[in-house]
Structure formats: structure tokens, C-alpha cells
Protein backbone atom coordinates (compact mmCIF):
# COMPACT_ATOMS: atom_id res chain seq x y z
CA MET A 1 49.38 28.13 -68.82
CA LYS A 2 52.28 26.67 -70.79
CA THR A 3 51.61 26.62 -74.52
CA ILE A 4 53.49 24.10 -76.65
CA LEU A 5 54.36 23.64 -80.31
CA ILE A 6 55.58 20.20 -81.36
CA SER A 7 57.88 20.06 -84.38
CA GLU A 8 57.95 16.40 -85.38
CA ASP A 9 57.42 14.61 -88.71
CA HIS A 10 56.68 11.16 -87.26
CA THR A 11 52.91 11.34 -86.83
CA MET A 12 52.57 8.56 -84.24
CA PHE A 13 55.25 10.00 -81.95
CA ALA A 14 53.87 13.52 -82.35
CA MET A 15 50.40 12.34 -81.33
CA MET A 16 51.84 10.46 -78.35
CA LEU A 17 53.69 13.58 -77.24
CA LYS A 18 50.56 15.66 -77.60
CA ALA A 19 48.51 13.19 -75.54
CA TRP A 20 51.15 12.97 -72.80
CA LEU A 21 51.55 16.72 -72.47
CA GLN A 22 47.85 17.56 -72.55
CA GLN A 23 47.21 15.32 -69.56
CA GLU A 24 48.53 18.23 -67.54
CA GLN A 25 45.85 20.87 -66.98
CA THR A 26 48.49 23.57 -66.92
CA SER A 27 49.54 23.03 -70.54
CA GLU A 28 48.04 23.27 -74.01
CA VAL A 29 49.48 21.93 -77.27
CA LEU A 30 48.84 24.60 -79.88
CA GLY A 31 49.78 22.47 -82.86
CA VAL A 32 52.11 20.04 -84.58
CA ALA A 33 54.48 21.14 -87.35
CA THR A 34 55.96 18.52 -89.69
CA THR A 35 58.53 20.63 -91.57
CA GLY A 36 61.07 23.24 -90.64
CA ALA A 37 59.35 25.93 -92.66
CA GLU A 38 56.03 25.19 -90.96
CA THR A 39 57.71 25.18 -87.55
CA ILE A 40 59.19 28.65 -88.03
CA ARG A 41 55.89 29.99 -89.40
CA LEU A 42 53.86 28.60 -86.48
CA VAL A 43 56.38 29.80 -83.91
CA ARG A 44 55.98 33.32 -85.27
CA GLU A 45 52.20 33.09 -85.45
CA LEU A 46 51.41 31.24 -82.22
CA LYS A 47 54.36 32.32 -80.05
CA PRO A 48 54.32 29.21 -77.81
CA THR A 49 56.13 29.25 -74.50
CA ILE A 50 57.70 25.84 -75.29
CA LEU A 51 58.97 24.38 -78.57
CA ILE A 52 59.69 20.64 -78.73
CA GLN A 53 61.99 20.18 -81.70
CA ASP A 54 62.80 16.95 -83.54
CA MET A 55 66.35 16.99 -84.87
CA MET A 56 65.76 15.69 -88.40
CA LEU A 57 62.87 17.00 -90.50
CA SER A 58 62.45 16.52 -94.23
CA ASP A 59 63.44 20.06 -95.22
CA MET A 60 65.65 21.30 -92.36
CA LYS A 61 67.92 20.02 -89.62
CA GLY A 62 66.80 20.59 -86.07
CA VAL A 63 69.93 22.55 -85.23
CA ASP A 64 69.15 25.07 -87.98
CA ILE A 65 65.57 25.47 -86.80
CA ILE A 66 66.64 25.94 -83.18
CA ARG A 67 69.31 28.45 -84.17
CA GLN A 68 66.81 30.56 -86.14
CA VAL A 69 64.06 30.39 -83.51
CA ARG A 70 66.49 31.29 -80.74
CA GLN A 71 67.67 34.39 -82.62
CA GLU A 72 64.08 35.67 -82.82
CA PHE A 73 62.68 34.42 -79.50
CA ARG A 74 65.21 34.71 -76.70
CA GLU A 75 62.85 33.71 -73.90
CA MET A 76 61.16 30.71 -75.54
CA ALA A 77 61.97 27.35 -73.94
CA ILE A 78 63.27 24.93 -76.58
CA PHE A 79 63.67 21.21 -75.92
CA ALA A 80 65.32 18.93 -78.48
CA VAL A 81 64.20 15.34 -79.01
CA SER A 82 65.61 12.58 -81.19
CA GLY A 83 66.28 8.87 -81.33
CA ARG A 84 70.02 9.60 -81.50
CA ALA A 85 71.84 11.05 -78.51
CA ASN A 86 74.56 12.75 -80.53
CA LEU A 87 71.98 14.78 -82.47
CA VAL A 88 70.19 16.15 -79.43
CA LYS A 89 73.57 16.92 -77.87
CA LEU A 90 74.25 19.27 -80.80
CA ALA A 91 71.04 21.17 -80.03
CA LEU A 92 72.47 22.39 -76.72
CA GLY A 93 75.21 24.19 -78.58
CA VAL A 94 72.81 26.27 -80.68
CA GLY A 95 70.40 27.44 -78.00
CA ALA A 96 68.21 24.57 -76.81
CA ASN A 97 67.32 24.63 -73.10
CA GLY A 98 67.25 20.87 -72.79
CA CYS A 99 67.30 17.54 -74.56
CA MET A 100 65.68 14.14 -74.38
CA LEU A 101 65.39 10.89 -76.30
CA LYS A 102 62.33 9.44 -77.95
CA GLU A 103 62.69 6.41 -75.69
CA ASP A 104 62.24 8.54 -72.58
CA ASP A 105 59.33 7.79 -70.26
CA PRO A 106 56.26 10.07 -70.61
CA GLU A 107 56.58 11.11 -66.97
CA VAL A 108 60.13 12.27 -67.65
CA ILE A 109 59.12 14.24 -70.74
CA ARG A 110 56.39 16.03 -68.81
CA ASN A 111 59.09 17.44 -66.54
CA ILE A 112 59.84 20.06 -69.19
CA LEU A 113 56.56 21.75 -68.29
CA THR A 114 57.86 22.77 -64.86
CA TRP A 115 61.54 23.24 -65.66
CA ASP A 116 62.88 26.70 -64.84
CA THR A 117 65.22 27.49 -67.73
CA ALA A 118 66.97 30.07 -65.54
CA LYS A 119 68.43 27.14 -63.57
CA GLY A 120 70.38 25.94 -66.61
CA LEU A 121 70.07 23.08 -69.07
CA TRP A 122 67.65 20.19 -68.60
CA VAL A 123 68.86 16.72 -69.62
CA SER A 124 66.63 13.68 -69.26
CA PRO A 125 67.94 10.84 -67.08
CA LEU A 126 68.28 8.58 -70.12
CA MET A 127 70.33 11.21 -71.90
CA GLY A 128 72.41 11.69 -68.77
CA GLY A 129 73.12 7.98 -68.72
CA ARG A 130 74.27 8.07 -72.33
CA LEU A 131 76.55 11.01 -71.55
CA TYR A 132 78.06 9.23 -68.56
CA ARG A 133 78.72 6.04 -70.54
CA ALA A 134 80.32 7.96 -73.42
CA SER A 135 82.52 9.92 -71.03
CA GLN A 136 83.64 6.72 -69.30
CA GLU A 137 84.45 5.10 -72.65
CA LEU A 138 86.59 8.07 -73.68
CA LEU A 139 88.45 7.92 -70.37
CA GLN A 140 88.96 4.17 -70.64
CA TYR A 141 90.35 4.12 -74.18
CA ASN A 142 92.16 7.47 -74.10
CA PHE A 143 91.87 8.10 -77.84
CA THR A 144 94.41 10.49 -79.34
CA ALA A 145 93.31 13.59 -81.24
CA SER A 146 94.10 11.82 -84.54
CA GLU A 147 92.05 8.79 -83.52
CA MET A 148 89.14 11.00 -82.48
CA ASN A 149 89.24 12.79 -85.84
CA VAL A 150 89.02 9.46 -87.63
CA LEU A 151 86.25 8.20 -85.32
CA GLN A 152 84.25 11.37 -85.77
CA ASN A 153 84.16 10.76 -89.54
CA ILE A 154 84.23 6.96 -89.51
CA SER A 155 81.31 6.62 -91.95
CA LEU A 156 83.63 7.88 -94.73
CA THR A 157 85.91 5.58 -96.73
CA ASN A 158 89.63 5.54 -95.99
CA SER A 159 90.37 7.62 -99.07
CA GLU A 160 87.67 10.14 -98.11
CA LEU A 161 89.03 10.30 -94.56
CA GLY A 162 92.50 10.92 -95.88
CA ALA A 163 91.33 13.74 -98.13
CA LEU A 164 89.29 15.33 -95.34
CA LEU A 165 91.99 15.12 -92.68
CA GLY A 166 95.01 15.70 -94.91
CA LEU A 167 96.38 12.19 -94.30
CA SER A 168 97.57 9.39 -96.54
CA GLU A 169 95.43 6.28 -96.79
CA GLY A 170 98.25 4.38 -95.12
CA THR A 171 98.13 6.72 -92.12
CA VAL A 172 94.35 6.30 -91.92
CA ARG A 173 94.73 2.52 -91.97
CA ASN A 174 97.39 2.65 -89.27
CA THR A 175 95.19 4.87 -87.12
CA LEU A 176 92.29 2.45 -87.51
CA THR A 177 94.57 -0.43 -86.54
CA THR A 178 95.48 1.30 -83.26
CA ILE A 179 91.79 1.99 -82.60
CA TYR A 180 90.89 -1.68 -83.12
CA GLN A 181 93.71 -2.64 -80.75
CA LYS A 182 92.14 -0.48 -78.03
CA ILE A 183 88.49 -1.50 -78.24
CA PRO A 184 86.75 -4.91 -78.50
CA ILE A 185 85.39 -4.25 -81.99
CA SER A 186 86.63 -5.96 -85.13
CA SER A 187 84.56 -4.69 -88.06
CA ARG A 188 83.97 -1.29 -89.66
CA SER A 189 80.19 -1.63 -89.43
CA GLU A 190 80.41 -2.35 -85.68
CA LEU A 191 82.74 0.61 -85.22
CA ILE A 192 80.35 2.96 -87.05
CA ARG A 193 77.46 1.85 -84.81
CA TYR A 194 79.61 2.22 -81.69
CA VAL A 195 80.61 5.76 -82.62
CA GLN A 196 77.06 6.82 -83.51
CA ASP A 197 75.40 5.20 -80.49
CA VAL A 198 78.03 5.91 -77.82
CA LEU A 199 81.04 8.08 -78.55
CA LEU A 200 79.62 10.98 -80.56
CA PHE A 201 77.53 12.10 -77.63
CA ALA A 202 80.67 12.95 -75.67
CA ILE A 203 82.89 14.32 -78.44
CA PRO A 204 83.58 18.00 -77.61
CA GLN A 205 81.34 20.46 -79.44
CA SER A 206 84.26 21.92 -81.42
CA MET A 207 84.80 18.53 -83.03
CA SER A 208 81.13 17.86 -83.90
């Protein structure tokens, strides 16, 4: 029987996950942890075969939890879940066996119960669709390395971007101008949403 620990601080979603997964007679949800510290403690105590890890808890980031659990439990199956595709994408780089979005269909999420981690990474169809769209956008607009560096940190002000990237504010403004000339977006707020919802999912791991 597959035993599952859910690490999720949104009570309603955690209870939905628990109900969906326990419909399968071959699985048992051992508990729900709402903080990173509780997650690590329960993983050590209960030793579940599957950990479902939210990417943003109140005390720890999901990537840090996954990294620590993976160091101690090499064989445990870890699946990341979040409302933001770029966050669950990061989980794959620190040891997660798969990733999914909170919008995924219950039937899709239950697929983790039968996934053979020896076959490689599991990505939900919705996540796969986000990855494909992001990859196509990057191909279409052919952003330069400088433009990608600015986009990756677009939530910062121009002066903060300049300080971070070693550029003058004028260079940052010029780079933003070329970005706006490439894509059908005209405001900073729209650009921030576009990067967070689409592009960050496909930015190479070394740039994340």
C-alpha cells in the first residue's frame, strides 16, 4: 500500500487532496503537515512512500523542504504542487520526482500513486502544456541573454535591476524598450504577470 504525507498549509486544498487520494484502496494518507518543520518531523516519524509538497509554506520554501527530505530519504517519491508553474518547475531541480498544479484534475493527480519513479520525472498534462507554451514563446521572441536577465528579475525597479545586473539605469530602460518592441505588452504590471505566468517556467534552471 502506498502511504502518503501531504505538506500543504491551505486547509481546503489539503482536505480535497486527502479525499481524492483515499478513494483508491491501495493508498493511505498518513497525515497533513502545515509547516516545513512539521513536514520534516512527520517524514522522519512516519516514513511515507509518497510526499506531496506545496511550494510555499509559512516557515519554509518547498524547494528547501524537498532538498532536505531528499538528502535523508533517497527512495521516497516526492511530488511538488503549487498554483504557480515556475515554482513547481524549481522542485525538479532539487530532487522532486514530479510536479503538478493545484488546478489539475483529481484523476490526473491520482496518477502519482501508480507512477514508477524509475521511469523518470512525472509532469501533469496541465504542467506539460504550460511548459510547451513557455518554450514556444521563448522561440518566437528570441530574447537575448541580457533581456532574459531583466525579465527574470522584472519585479525589481530599474535602479534595483541595474545594481543587481551591473548595468546603468539607462541600459535597463533600453533593454526594456527592446522587450516591449518584441511582445504585445505595454505596461510593467502586464509584463510582470506574463513573466510569472508564462516565461519563468521555461527559463533554464541556471537562471532561476
